[in-house]
């Protein structure tokens, strides 16, 4: 399986669609600009970290 296929499969399995993953990544970008104590819910930050980690792992395979 090619890297692109792995990434698409992962995206569908975890987020359902590219649009849903894009929403999480948009939130990640916003967090990077405004991350301060009590700005975002801890679960939101963890969700973004998991998404970024998943992309990194998928691209390395």
C-alpha atoms as a PDB file:
ATOM      1  CA  UNK A   1       0.000   0.000   0.000  1.00  0.00           C
ATOM      2  CA  UNK A   2       1.342   3.436  -0.933  1.00  0.00           C
ATOM      3  CA  UNK A   3       1.793   6.211   1.630  1.00  0.00           C
ATOM      4  CA  UNK A   4      -1.051   8.195   0.124  1.00  0.00           C
ATOM      5  CA  UNK A   5      -3.417   5.236   0.418  1.00  0.00           C
ATOM      6  CA  UNK A   6      -2.398   4.696   4.045  1.00  0.00           C
ATOM      7  CA  UNK A   7      -3.050   8.350   4.868  1.00  0.00           C
ATOM      8  CA  UNK A   8      -6.449   8.330   3.152  1.00  0.00           C
ATOM      9  CA  UNK A   9      -7.455   5.112   4.928  1.00  0.00           C
ATOM     10  CA  UNK A  10      -6.335   6.477   8.290  1.00  0.00           C
ATOM     11  CA  UNK A  11      -8.213   9.694   7.646  1.00  0.00           C
ATOM     12  CA  UNK A  12     -11.426   7.839   6.790  1.00  0.00           C
ATOM     13  CA  UNK A  13     -11.069   5.464   9.765  1.00  0.00           C
ATOM     14  CA  UNK A  14     -10.456   8.181  12.352  1.00  0.00           C
ATOM     15  CA  UNK A  15     -12.191  11.279  10.972  1.00  0.00           C
ATOM     16  CA  UNK A  16     -14.690  10.054   8.382  1.00  0.00           C
ATOM     17  CA  UNK A  17     -13.677  12.586   5.751  1.00  0.00           C
ATOM     18  CA  UNK A  18     -10.914  14.961   4.738  1.00  0.00           C
ATOM     19  CA  UNK A  19     -13.156  17.829   5.800  1.00  0.00           C
ATOM     20  CA  UNK A  20     -13.343  16.572   9.389  1.00  0.00           C
ATOM     21  CA  UNK A  21      -9.557  16.199   9.577  1.00  0.00           C
ATOM     22  CA  UNK A  22      -9.203  19.677   8.104  1.00  0.00           C
ATOM     23  CA  UNK A  23     -11.376  21.047  10.937  1.00  0.00           C
ATOM     24  CA  UNK A  24      -9.075  19.476  13.528  1.00  0.00           C
ATOM     25  CA  UNK A  25      -5.988  20.836  11.757  1.00  0.00           C
ATOM     26  CA  UNK A  26      -7.560  24.305  11.566  1.00  0.00           C
ATOM     27  CA  UNK A  27      -8.078  24.126  15.309  1.00  0.00           C
ATOM     28  CA  UNK A  28      -4.419  23.137  15.685  1.00  0.00           C
ATOM     29  CA  UNK A  29      -3.304  26.221  13.806  1.00  0.00           C
ATOM     30  CA  UNK A  30      -5.512  28.432  15.932  1.00  0.00           C
ATOM     31  CA  UNK A  31      -4.139  26.836  19.082  1.00  0.00           C
ATOM     32  CA  UNK A  32      -0.573  27.514  18.044  1.00  0.00           C
ATOM     33  CA  UNK A  33      -1.328  31.225  17.835  1.00  0.00           C
ATOM     34  CA  UNK A  34      -3.381  31.548  21.001  1.00  0.00           C
ATOM     35  CA  UNK A  35      -2.395  28.707  23.301  1.00  0.00           C
ATOM     36  CA  UNK A  36      -2.353  30.034  26.821  1.00  0.00           C
ATOM     37  CA  UNK A  37      -3.471  28.494  30.051  1.00  0.00           C
ATOM     38  CA  UNK A  38      -7.252  27.950  30.069  1.00  0.00           C
ATOM     39  CA  UNK A  39      -7.653  29.036  26.426  1.00  0.00           C
ATOM     40  CA  UNK A  40      -8.645  25.610  25.073  1.00  0.00           C
ATOM     41  CA  UNK A  41     -10.139  22.560  26.673  1.00  0.00           C
ATOM     42  CA  UNK A  42      -7.533  19.888  27.470  1.00  0.00           C
ATOM     43  CA  UNK A  43      -9.461  17.319  25.384  1.00  0.00           C
ATOM     44  CA  UNK A  44      -9.378  19.630  22.350  1.00  0.00           C
ATOM     45  CA  UNK A  45      -5.600  19.958  22.633  1.00  0.00           C
ATOM     46  CA  UNK A  46      -5.221  16.179  22.979  1.00  0.00           C
ATOM     47  CA  UNK A  47      -7.403  15.625  19.897  1.00  0.00           C
ATOM     48  CA  UNK A  48      -5.205  17.939  17.849  1.00  0.00           C
ATOM     49  CA  UNK A  49      -2.016  16.286  19.082  1.00  0.00           C
ATOM     50  CA  UNK A  50      -3.422  12.870  18.176  1.00  0.00           C
ATOM     51  CA  UNK A  51      -4.287  14.087  14.676  1.00  0.00           C
ATOM     52  CA  UNK A  52      -0.820  15.521  14.091  1.00  0.00           C
ATOM     53  CA  UNK A  53       0.818  12.373  15.482  1.00  0.00           C
ATOM     54  CA  UNK A  54      -1.342  10.201  13.229  1.00  0.00           C
ATOM     55  CA  UNK A  55      -0.343  12.193  10.163  1.00  0.00           C
ATOM     56  CA  UNK A  56       3.342  11.932  11.087  1.00  0.00           C
ATOM     57  CA  UNK A  57       3.098   8.176  11.673  1.00  0.00           C
ATOM     58  CA  UNK A  58       1.188   7.660   8.441  1.00  0.00           C
ATOM     59  CA  UNK A  59       3.724   9.595   6.431  1.00  0.00           C
ATOM     60  CA  UNK A  60       6.609   7.618   7.897  1.00  0.00           C
ATOM     61  CA  UNK A  61       5.210   4.218   6.895  1.00  0.00           C
END
